[in-house]
PDB file of N, CA and C in Angstrom:
ATOM      1  N   UNK A   1       0.722  -1.233   0.072  1.00  0.00           N
ATOM      2  CA  UNK A   1      -0.033   0.059   0.118  1.00  0.00           C
ATOM      3  C   UNK A   1       0.876   1.331   0.157  1.00  0.00           C
ATOM      4  N   UNK A   2       0.502   2.090  -0.922  1.00  0.00           N
ATOM      5  CA  UNK A   2       1.361   3.641  -1.134  1.00  0.00           C
ATOM      6  C   UNK A   2       0.581   4.573  -0.160  1.00  0.00           C
ATOM      7  N   UNK A   3       1.390   5.344   0.402  1.00  0.00           N
ATOM      8  CA  UNK A   3       0.706   6.515   1.392  1.00  0.00           C
ATOM      9  C   UNK A   3       1.121   7.597   0.270  1.00  0.00           C
ATOM     10  N   UNK A   4       0.000   8.808   0.356  1.00  0.00           N
ATOM     11  CA  UNK A   4       0.434   9.835  -0.583  1.00  0.00           C
ATOM     12  C   UNK A   4      -0.242  11.182  -0.069  1.00  0.00           C
ATOM     13  N   UNK A   5       0.722  12.169   0.188  1.00  0.00           N
ATOM     14  CA  UNK A   5       0.130  13.242   0.747  1.00  0.00           C
ATOM     15  C   UNK A   5       0.549  14.704   0.117  1.00  0.00           C
ATOM     16  N   UNK A   6      -0.112  15.596  -0.112  1.00  0.00           N
ATOM     17  CA  UNK A   6       0.326  16.602  -0.774  1.00  0.00           C
ATOM     18  C   UNK A   6       0.098  17.997   0.353  1.00  0.00           C
ATOM     19  N   UNK A   7       0.899  19.103   0.259  1.00  0.00           N
ATOM     20  CA  UNK A   7       1.242  20.138   1.320  1.00  0.00           C
ATOM     21  C   UNK A   7       1.527  21.350   0.854  1.00  0.00           C
ATOM     22  N   UNK A   8       1.211  22.261   1.491  1.00  0.00           N
ATOM     23  CA  UNK A   8       1.582  23.837   1.176  1.00  0.00           C
ATOM     24  C   UNK A   8       3.033  24.072   1.436  1.00  0.00           C
ATOM     25  N   UNK A   9       4.003  23.436   0.457  1.00  0.00           N
ATOM     26  CA  UNK A   9       5.354  23.749   0.929  1.00  0.00           C
ATOM     27  C   UNK A   9       6.063  23.611   1.739  1.00  0.00           C
ATOM     28  N   UNK A  10       5.637  22.376   2.873  1.00  0.00           N
ATOM     29  CA  UNK A  10       5.891  22.069   3.905  1.00  0.00           C
ATOM     30  C   UNK A  10       6.873  20.907   3.777  1.00  0.00           C
ATOM     31  N   UNK A  11       8.064  20.871   4.562  1.00  0.00           N
ATOM     32  CA  UNK A  11       9.129  19.800   4.207  1.00  0.00           C
ATOM     33  C   UNK A  11       8.707  18.918   5.475  1.00  0.00           C
ATOM     34  N   UNK A  12       8.707  17.686   5.111  1.00  0.00           N
ATOM     35  CA  UNK A  12       8.173  16.793   6.029  1.00  0.00           C
ATOM     36  C   UNK A  12       9.506  16.335   6.957  1.00  0.00           C
ATOM     37  N   UNK A  13       9.540  16.072   8.076  1.00  0.00           N
ATOM     38  CA  UNK A  13      10.730  15.878   8.765  1.00  0.00           C
ATOM     39  C   UNK A  13      11.452  14.701   8.825  1.00  0.00           C
ATOM     40  N   UNK A  14      10.488  13.561   8.593  1.00  0.00           N
ATOM     41  CA  UNK A  14      10.977  12.147   8.530  1.00  0.00           C
ATOM     42  C   UNK A  14      11.353  11.664   7.294  1.00  0.00           C
ATOM     43  N   UNK A  15      11.399  12.509   6.409  1.00  0.00           N
ATOM     44  CA  UNK A  15      11.252  12.173   4.837  1.00  0.00           C
ATOM     45  C   UNK A  15      12.852  12.336   4.034  1.00  0.00           C
ATOM     46  N   UNK A  16      13.072  11.621   3.212  1.00  0.00           N
ATOM     47  CA  UNK A  16      14.235  12.253   2.247  1.00  0.00           C
ATOM     48  C   UNK A  16      13.609  13.476   1.055  1.00  0.00           C
ATOM     49  N   UNK A  17      13.997  14.372   1.025  1.00  0.00           N
ATOM     50  CA  UNK A  17      13.427  15.518   0.005  1.00  0.00           C
ATOM     51  C   UNK A  17      14.294  15.650  -1.332  1.00  0.00           C
ATOM     52  N   UNK A  18      13.281  15.699  -1.959  1.00  0.00           N
ATOM     53  CA  UNK A  18      13.863  16.105  -3.537  1.00  0.00           C
ATOM     54  C   UNK A  18      13.330  17.445  -3.705  1.00  0.00           C
ATOM     55  N   UNK A  19      14.299  18.703  -4.008  1.00  0.00           N
ATOM     56  CA  UNK A  19      13.622  19.578  -4.612  1.00  0.00           C
ATOM     57  C   UNK A  19      13.819  19.640  -6.266  1.00  0.00           C
ATOM     58  N   UNK A  20      12.562  20.314  -6.821  1.00  0.00           N
ATOM     59  CA  UNK A  20      12.479  20.386  -8.359  1.00  0.00           C
ATOM     60  C   UNK A  20      12.711  21.729  -8.628  1.00  0.00           C
ATOM     61  N   UNK A  21      13.949  21.946  -9.023  1.00  0.00           N
ATOM     62  CA  UNK A  21      14.324  23.279  -9.476  1.00  0.00           C
ATOM     63  C   UNK A  21      15.176  23.345 -10.543  1.00  0.00           C
ATOM     64  N   UNK A  22      14.862  24.421 -11.442  1.00  0.00           N
ATOM     65  CA  UNK A  22      15.764  24.648 -12.698  1.00  0.00           C
ATOM     66  C   UNK A  22      15.570  23.578 -13.690  1.00  0.00           C
ATOM     67  N   UNK A  23      14.177  23.027 -13.687  1.00  0.00           N
ATOM     68  CA  UNK A  23      13.764  21.751 -14.640  1.00  0.00           C
ATOM     69  C   UNK A  23      14.466  20.534 -14.379  1.00  0.00           C
ATOM     70  N   UNK A  24      14.846  20.352 -13.140  1.00  0.00           N
ATOM     71  CA  UNK A  24      15.524  19.062 -12.522  1.00  0.00           C
ATOM     72  C   UNK A  24      15.084  18.537 -11.298  1.00  0.00           C
ATOM     73  N   UNK A  25      15.087  17.343 -11.010  1.00  0.00           N
ATOM     74  CA  UNK A  25      15.244  16.617  -9.961  1.00  0.00           C
ATOM     75  C   UNK A  25      16.199  16.751  -9.209  1.00  0.00           C
ATOM     76  N   UNK A  26      16.888  17.252  -7.726  1.00  0.00           N
ATOM     77  CA  UNK A  26      17.563  17.169  -6.801  1.00  0.00           C
ATOM     78  C   UNK A  26      17.505  16.830  -5.746  1.00  0.00           C
ATOM     79  N   UNK A  27      18.101  15.603  -5.277  1.00  0.00           N
ATOM     80  CA  UNK A  27      19.064  14.808  -6.237  1.00  0.00           C
ATOM     81  C   UNK A  27      18.071  14.115  -7.108  1.00  0.00           C
ATOM     82  N   UNK A  28      18.953  13.611  -8.332  1.00  0.00           N
ATOM     83  CA  UNK A  28      18.323  12.655  -9.341  1.00  0.00           C
ATOM     84  C   UNK A  28      18.082  11.309  -8.621  1.00  0.00           C
ATOM     85  N   UNK A  29      18.950  10.820  -7.748  1.00  0.00           N
ATOM     86  CA  UNK A  29      18.642   9.523  -7.236  1.00  0.00           C
ATOM     87  C   UNK A  29      18.671   9.740  -5.737  1.00  0.00           C
ATOM     88  N   UNK A  30      17.812   8.709  -5.139  1.00  0.00           N
ATOM     89  CA  UNK A  30      17.797   8.933  -3.666  1.00  0.00           C
ATOM     90  C   UNK A  30      17.470   7.282  -3.427  1.00  0.00           C
ATOM     91  N   UNK A  31      17.699   6.853  -2.065  1.00  0.00           N
ATOM     92  CA  UNK A  31      17.704   5.791  -1.452  1.00  0.00           C
ATOM     93  C   UNK A  31      16.917   6.009  -0.086  1.00  0.00           C
ATOM     94  N   UNK A  32      16.103   5.155   0.144  1.00  0.00           N
ATOM     95  CA  UNK A  32      15.088   5.274   1.302  1.00  0.00           C
ATOM     96  C   UNK A  32      14.745   3.705   1.709  1.00  0.00           C
ATOM     97  N   UNK A  33      14.448   3.686   3.049  1.00  0.00           N
ATOM     98  CA  UNK A  33      14.380   2.040   3.270  1.00  0.00           C
ATOM     99  C   UNK A  33      12.734   1.965   3.098  1.00  0.00           C
ATOM    100  N   UNK A  34      12.528   0.523   3.084  1.00  0.00           N
ATOM    101  CA  UNK A  34      11.065   0.295   3.050  1.00  0.00           C
ATOM    102  C   UNK A  34      10.465   0.648   4.141  1.00  0.00           C
ATOM    103  N   UNK A  35       9.280   1.405   3.730  1.00  0.00           N
ATOM    104  CA  UNK A  35       8.251   1.904   4.810  1.00  0.00           C
ATOM    105  C   UNK A  35       8.706   3.259   5.175  1.00  0.00           C
ATOM    106  N   UNK A  36       9.594   3.855   4.576  1.00  0.00           N
ATOM    107  CA  UNK A  36      10.011   5.524   4.517  1.00  0.00           C
ATOM    108  C   UNK A  36       9.449   6.305   3.599  1.00  0.00           C
ATOM    109  N   UNK A  37       9.374   7.418   3.687  1.00  0.00           N
ATOM    110  CA  UNK A  37       8.741   8.572   3.013  1.00  0.00           C
ATOM    111  C   UNK A  37       9.537   9.278   2.311  1.00  0.00           C
ATOM    112  N   UNK A  38       9.452   9.784   0.788  1.00  0.00           N
ATOM    113  CA  UNK A  38      10.196  10.248   0.070  1.00  0.00           C
ATOM    114  C   UNK A  38       9.159  11.757  -0.326  1.00  0.00           C
ATOM    115  N   UNK A  39       9.577  13.118  -0.033  1.00  0.00           N
ATOM    116  CA  UNK A  39       8.743  14.318  -0.211  1.00  0.00           C
ATOM    117  C   UNK A  39       9.504  15.086  -1.754  1.00  0.00           C
ATOM    118  N   UNK A  40       8.691  15.648  -2.349  1.00  0.00           N
ATOM    119  CA  UNK A  40       9.270  16.507  -3.590  1.00  0.00           C
ATOM    120  C   UNK A  40       8.401  17.714  -3.404  1.00  0.00           C
ATOM    121  N   UNK A  41       9.353  18.882  -3.456  1.00  0.00           N
ATOM    122  CA  UNK A  41       9.066  20.264  -3.195  1.00  0.00           C
ATOM    123  C   UNK A  41       9.313  20.881  -4.397  1.00  0.00           C
ATOM    124  N   UNK A  42       8.165  21.486  -4.929  1.00  0.00           N
ATOM    125  CA  UNK A  42       8.458  21.991  -6.333  1.00  0.00           C
ATOM    126  C   UNK A  42       8.665  23.657  -6.007  1.00  0.00           C
ATOM    127  N   UNK A  43      10.099  23.694  -6.416  1.00  0.00           N
ATOM    128  CA  UNK A  43      10.672  25.113  -5.826  1.00  0.00           C
ATOM    129  C   UNK A  43      11.056  25.779  -7.440  1.00  0.00           C
ATOM    130  N   UNK A  44      10.402  25.348  -8.340  1.00  0.00           N
ATOM    131  CA  UNK A  44      10.507  25.750  -9.340  1.00  0.00           C
ATOM    132  C   UNK A  44       9.396  26.716  -9.840  1.00  0.00           C
ATOM    133  N   UNK A  45       9.621  27.786 -11.125  1.00  0.00           N
ATOM    134  CA  UNK A  45       8.311  28.650 -11.463  1.00  0.00           C
ATOM    135  C   UNK A  45       7.510  28.163 -12.302  1.00  0.00           C
ATOM    136  N   UNK A  46       7.622  26.950 -12.727  1.00  0.00           N
ATOM    137  CA  UNK A  46       6.505  26.169 -13.465  1.00  0.00           C
ATOM    138  C   UNK A  46       6.202  25.095 -12.759  1.00  0.00           C
ATOM    139  N   UNK A  47       4.970  24.510 -13.177  1.00  0.00           N
ATOM    140  CA  UNK A  47       4.445  22.876 -12.687  1.00  0.00           C
ATOM    141  C   UNK A  47       5.062  22.042 -13.182  1.00  0.00           C
ATOM    142  N   UNK A  48       4.964  20.854 -12.332  1.00  0.00           N
ATOM    143  CA  UNK A  48       6.044  19.599 -12.828  1.00  0.00           C
ATOM    144  C   UNK A  48       4.890  18.782 -12.278  1.00  0.00           C
ATOM    145  N   UNK A  49       5.277  17.353 -12.360  1.00  0.00           N
ATOM    146  CA  UNK A  49       4.579  16.123 -11.914  1.00  0.00           C
ATOM    147  C   UNK A  49       5.654  15.230 -12.038  1.00  0.00           C
ATOM    148  N   UNK A  50       4.906  14.133 -11.274  1.00  0.00           N
ATOM    149  CA  UNK A  50       5.833  12.770 -11.313  1.00  0.00           C
ATOM    150  C   UNK A  50       4.878  11.761 -11.617  1.00  0.00           C
ATOM    151  N   UNK A  51       5.396  10.919 -12.693  1.00  0.00           N
ATOM    152  CA  UNK A  51       4.884   9.691 -13.370  1.00  0.00           C
ATOM    153  C   UNK A  51       6.010   8.553 -12.981  1.00  0.00           C
ATOM    154  N   UNK A  52       5.529   7.818 -12.312  1.00  0.00           N
ATOM    155  CA  UNK A  52       6.446   6.314 -12.070  1.00  0.00           C
ATOM    156  C   UNK A  52       6.329   5.457 -13.048  1.00  0.00           C
ATOM    157  N   UNK A  53       7.492   5.018 -13.747  1.00  0.00           N
ATOM    158  CA  UNK A  53       7.385   3.914 -14.868  1.00  0.00           C
ATOM    159  C   UNK A  53       6.580   2.592 -14.725  1.00  0.00           C
ATOM    160  N   UNK A  54       6.665   2.254 -13.234  1.00  0.00           N
ATOM    161  CA  UNK A  54       5.858   1.084 -12.923  1.00  0.00           C
ATOM    162  C   UNK A  54       4.465   1.480 -12.695  1.00  0.00           C
ATOM    163  N   UNK A  55       3.968   2.122 -12.983  1.00  0.00           N
ATOM    164  CA  UNK A  55       2.444   2.813 -12.703  1.00  0.00           C
ATOM    165  C   UNK A  55       2.223   3.149 -11.319  1.00  0.00           C
ATOM    166  N   UNK A  56       2.870   3.142 -10.616  1.00  0.00           N
ATOM    167  CA  UNK A  56       2.488   3.507  -8.972  1.00  0.00           C
ATOM    168  C   UNK A  56       2.099   4.723  -8.909  1.00  0.00           C
ATOM    169  N   UNK A  57       1.791   5.290  -7.786  1.00  0.00           N
ATOM    170  CA  UNK A  57       1.102   6.517  -7.347  1.00  0.00           C
ATOM    171  C   UNK A  57       2.344   7.331  -7.500  1.00  0.00           C
ATOM    172  N   UNK A  58       1.661   8.491  -8.311  1.00  0.00           N
ATOM    173  CA  UNK A  58       2.595   9.769  -8.430  1.00  0.00           C
ATOM    174  C   UNK A  58       1.573  10.915  -8.412  1.00  0.00           C
ATOM    175  N   UNK A  59       1.935  12.068  -8.924  1.00  0.00           N
ATOM    176  CA  UNK A  59       1.099  13.499  -9.170  1.00  0.00           C
ATOM    177  C   UNK A  59       1.222  13.773 -10.489  1.00  0.00           C
ATOM    178  N   UNK A  60      -0.045  13.950 -11.142  1.00  0.00           N
ATOM    179  CA  UNK A  60      -0.001  14.682 -12.521  1.00  0.00           C
ATOM    180  C   UNK A  60       0.632  16.090 -12.621  1.00  0.00           C
ATOM    181  N   UNK A  61       0.132  16.744 -11.726  1.00  0.00           N
ATOM    182  CA  UNK A  61       0.105  18.278 -11.649  1.00  0.00           C
ATOM    183  C   UNK A  61       0.592  18.992 -10.241  1.00  0.00           C
ATOM    184  N   UNK A  62       1.923  19.450 -10.106  1.00  0.00           N
ATOM    185  CA  UNK A  62       2.357  19.849  -8.985  1.00  0.00           C
ATOM    186  C   UNK A  62       2.979  21.249  -9.024  1.00  0.00           C
ATOM    187  N   UNK A  63       1.929  22.316  -8.504  1.00  0.00           N
ATOM    188  CA  UNK A  63       2.167  23.605  -8.975  1.00  0.00           C
ATOM    189  C   UNK A  63       3.410  24.081  -8.028  1.00  0.00           C
ATOM    190  N   UNK A  64       4.053  25.440  -8.517  1.00  0.00           N
ATOM    191  CA  UNK A  64       5.063  26.131  -7.856  1.00  0.00           C
ATOM    192  C   UNK A  64       4.554  26.135  -6.205  1.00  0.00           C
ATOM    193  N   UNK A  65       5.686  25.891  -5.528  1.00  0.00           N
ATOM    194  CA  UNK A  65       5.267  25.832  -3.786  1.00  0.00           C
ATOM    195  C   UNK A  65       4.645  24.616  -3.344  1.00  0.00           C
ATOM    196  N   UNK A  66       4.300  23.947  -3.872  1.00  0.00           N
ATOM    197  CA  UNK A  66       3.525  22.559  -3.480  1.00  0.00           C
ATOM    198  C   UNK A  66       4.306  21.479  -3.436  1.00  0.00           C
ATOM    199  N   UNK A  67       3.965  20.618  -2.372  1.00  0.00           N
ATOM    200  CA  UNK A  67       4.931  19.276  -2.101  1.00  0.00           C
ATOM    201  C   UNK A  67       3.855  18.145  -2.307  1.00  0.00           C
ATOM    202  N   UNK A  68       4.763  17.123  -2.613  1.00  0.00           N
ATOM    203  CA  UNK A  68       3.860  16.155  -2.974  1.00  0.00           C
ATOM    204  C   UNK A  68       4.905  14.809  -2.098  1.00  0.00           C
ATOM    205  N   UNK A  69       4.055  13.958  -1.436  1.00  0.00           N
ATOM    206  CA  UNK A  69       4.871  13.109  -0.354  1.00  0.00           C
ATOM    207  C   UNK A  69       4.297  11.813  -0.663  1.00  0.00           C
ATOM    208  N   UNK A  70       5.215  10.774  -0.635  1.00  0.00           N
ATOM    209  CA  UNK A  70       4.869   9.248  -0.748  1.00  0.00           C
ATOM    210  C   UNK A  70       5.450   8.564   0.258  1.00  0.00           C
ATOM    211  N   UNK A  71       5.136   7.364   0.537  1.00  0.00           N
ATOM    212  CA  UNK A  71       5.833   6.200   1.438  1.00  0.00           C
ATOM    213  C   UNK A  71       6.016   5.281   0.462  1.00  0.00           C
ATOM    214  N   UNK A  72       7.126   4.474   0.425  1.00  0.00           N
ATOM    215  CA  UNK A  72       7.641   3.479  -0.247  1.00  0.00           C
ATOM    216  C   UNK A  72       7.765   2.212   0.390  1.00  0.00           C
ATOM    217  N   UNK A  73       6.701   1.352   0.404  1.00  0.00           N
ATOM    218  CA  UNK A  73       6.606   0.006   1.255  1.00  0.00           C
ATOM    219  C   UNK A  73       7.366  -1.244   0.510  1.00  0.00           C
ATOM    220  N   UNK A  74       7.610  -1.135  -0.542  1.00  0.00           N
ATOM    221  CA  UNK A  74       8.185  -2.478  -1.307  1.00  0.00           C
ATOM    222  C   UNK A  74       9.538  -2.187  -1.500  1.00  0.00           C
ATOM    223  N   UNK A  75      10.543  -2.790  -1.267  1.00  0.00           N
ATOM    224  CA  UNK A  75      12.217  -2.671  -1.845  1.00  0.00           C
ATOM    225  C   UNK A  75      11.777  -3.120  -3.381  1.00  0.00           C
ATOM    226  N   UNK A  76      12.503  -1.889  -3.869  1.00  0.00           N
ATOM    227  CA  UNK A  76      12.936  -2.031  -5.759  1.00  0.00           C
ATOM    228  C   UNK A  76      13.391  -0.723  -5.971  1.00  0.00           C
ATOM    229  N   UNK A  77      13.422  -0.661  -7.303  1.00  0.00           N
ATOM    230  CA  UNK A  77      13.825   0.869  -7.699  1.00  0.00           C
ATOM    231  C   UNK A  77      12.546   1.317  -8.729  1.00  0.00           C
ATOM    232  N   UNK A  78      12.470   2.591  -8.413  1.00  0.00           N
ATOM    233  CA  UNK A  78      11.439   3.273  -8.910  1.00  0.00           C
ATOM    234  C   UNK A  78      11.855   4.368  -9.873  1.00  0.00           C
ATOM    235  N   UNK A  79      11.697   3.951 -11.108  1.00  0.00           N
ATOM    236  CA  UNK A  79      12.102   5.223 -12.011  1.00  0.00           C
ATOM    237  C   UNK A  79      10.772   6.320 -12.182  1.00  0.00           C
ATOM    238  N   UNK A  80      11.276   7.589 -12.357  1.00  0.00           N
ATOM    239  CA  UNK A  80      10.185   8.671 -12.793  1.00  0.00           C
ATOM    240  C   UNK A  80      10.612   9.501 -13.792  1.00  0.00           C
ATOM    241  N   UNK A  81       9.425  10.165 -14.140  1.00  0.00           N
ATOM    242  CA  UNK A  81       9.670  11.356 -14.945  1.00  0.00           C
ATOM    243  C   UNK A  81       8.617  12.464 -14.761  1.00  0.00           C
ATOM    244  N   UNK A  82       8.929  13.451 -15.009  1.00  0.00           N
ATOM    245  CA  UNK A  82       8.064  14.341 -14.953  1.00  0.00           C
ATOM    246  C   UNK A  82       7.136  14.444 -15.702  1.00  0.00           C
ATOM    247  N   UNK A  83       5.742  14.590 -15.374  1.00  0.00           N
ATOM    248  CA  UNK A  83       4.491  14.626 -16.506  1.00  0.00           C
ATOM    249  C   UNK A  83       4.441  15.520 -17.390  1.00  0.00           C
ATOM    250  N   UNK A  84       4.789  16.806 -17.120  1.00  0.00           N
ATOM    251  CA  UNK A  84       4.878  17.803 -17.860  1.00  0.00           C
ATOM    252  C   UNK A  84       6.193  17.846 -18.772  1.00  0.00           C
ATOM    253  N   UNK A  85       7.322  17.628 -18.395  1.00  0.00           N
ATOM    254  CA  UNK A  85       8.678  17.420 -19.093  1.00  0.00           C
ATOM    255  C   UNK A  85       9.243  16.152 -18.962  1.00  0.00           C
ATOM    256  N   UNK A  86       9.045  15.293 -20.223  1.00  0.00           N
ATOM    257  CA  UNK A  86       9.512  13.793 -19.502  1.00  0.00           C
ATOM    258  C   UNK A  86      11.189  13.529 -19.884  1.00  0.00           C
ATOM    259  N   UNK A  87      11.516  14.978 -20.256  1.00  0.00           N
ATOM    260  CA  UNK A  87      13.140  14.781 -20.445  1.00  0.00           C
ATOM    261  C   UNK A  87      13.912  14.900 -18.933  1.00  0.00           C
ATOM    262  N   UNK A  88      13.094  15.266 -17.909  1.00  0.00           N
ATOM    263  CA  UNK A  88      13.357  15.385 -16.399  1.00  0.00           C
ATOM    264  C   UNK A  88      13.099  13.937 -15.985  1.00  0.00           C
ATOM    265  N   UNK A  89      14.203  13.280 -15.720  1.00  0.00           N
ATOM    266  CA  UNK A  89      14.145  11.823 -15.150  1.00  0.00           C
ATOM    267  C   UNK A  89      14.758  11.778 -13.638  1.00  0.00           C
ATOM    268  N   UNK A  90      14.532  10.550 -13.118  1.00  0.00           N
ATOM    269  CA  UNK A  90      15.087  10.317 -11.522  1.00  0.00           C
ATOM    270  C   UNK A  90      14.887   9.087 -11.112  1.00  0.00           C
ATOM    271  N   UNK A  91      15.164   8.586  -9.909  1.00  0.00           N
ATOM    272  CA  UNK A  91      15.172   7.296  -9.654  1.00  0.00           C
ATOM    273  C   UNK A  91      14.973   7.352  -8.018  1.00  0.00           C
ATOM    274  N   UNK A  92      14.214   6.501  -7.317  1.00  0.00           N
ATOM    275  CA  UNK A  92      14.341   6.035  -6.069  1.00  0.00           C
ATOM    276  C   UNK A  92      14.516   4.704  -5.920  1.00  0.00           C
ATOM    277  N   UNK A  93      15.442   4.449  -5.108  1.00  0.00           N
ATOM    278  CA  UNK A  93      15.871   2.933  -4.995  1.00  0.00           C
ATOM    279  C   UNK A  93      15.605   2.916  -3.237  1.00  0.00           C
ATOM    280  N   UNK A  94      14.459   1.697  -3.036  1.00  0.00           N
ATOM    281  CA  UNK A  94      13.774   1.339  -1.791  1.00  0.00           C
ATOM    282  C   UNK A  94      14.581  -0.076  -1.427  1.00  0.00           C
ATOM    283  N   UNK A  95      15.381   0.084  -0.271  1.00  0.00           N
ATOM    284  CA  UNK A  95      16.256  -0.828   0.426  1.00  0.00           C
ATOM    285  C   UNK A  95      15.306  -1.469   1.285  1.00  0.00           C
ATOM    286  N   UNK A  96      15.717  -2.786   1.502  1.00  0.00           N
ATOM    287  CA  UNK A  96      15.211  -3.768   2.698  1.00  0.00           C
ATOM    288  C   UNK A  96      15.520  -2.942   4.175  1.00  0.00           C
ATOM    289  N   UNK A  97      14.574  -2.848   4.649  1.00  0.00           N
ATOM    290  CA  UNK A  97      14.850  -2.138   6.278  1.00  0.00           C
ATOM    291  C   UNK A  97      15.906  -2.487   6.884  1.00  0.00           C
TER     292      UNK A  97
END
């Protein structure tokens, strides 16, 4: 089960943070443990989104100043792209606890 949350620019305390700025995901590769959360913050002036290549939960449109958070329950590699700018690519690796 994937847990998803949206927020008004708040950075979650117990999560790995990815900034979206200059039309890139920073950092482009993160590693979290199974059960941990990752948060993406749109610090850019344009809308962005996250589409996971495996079809798991992402967000179609993330406006500037907004954040998207998701817990990763299953170990594996989750490649994703920006739904608006598909040249923006990145990866989440989920390790066993």
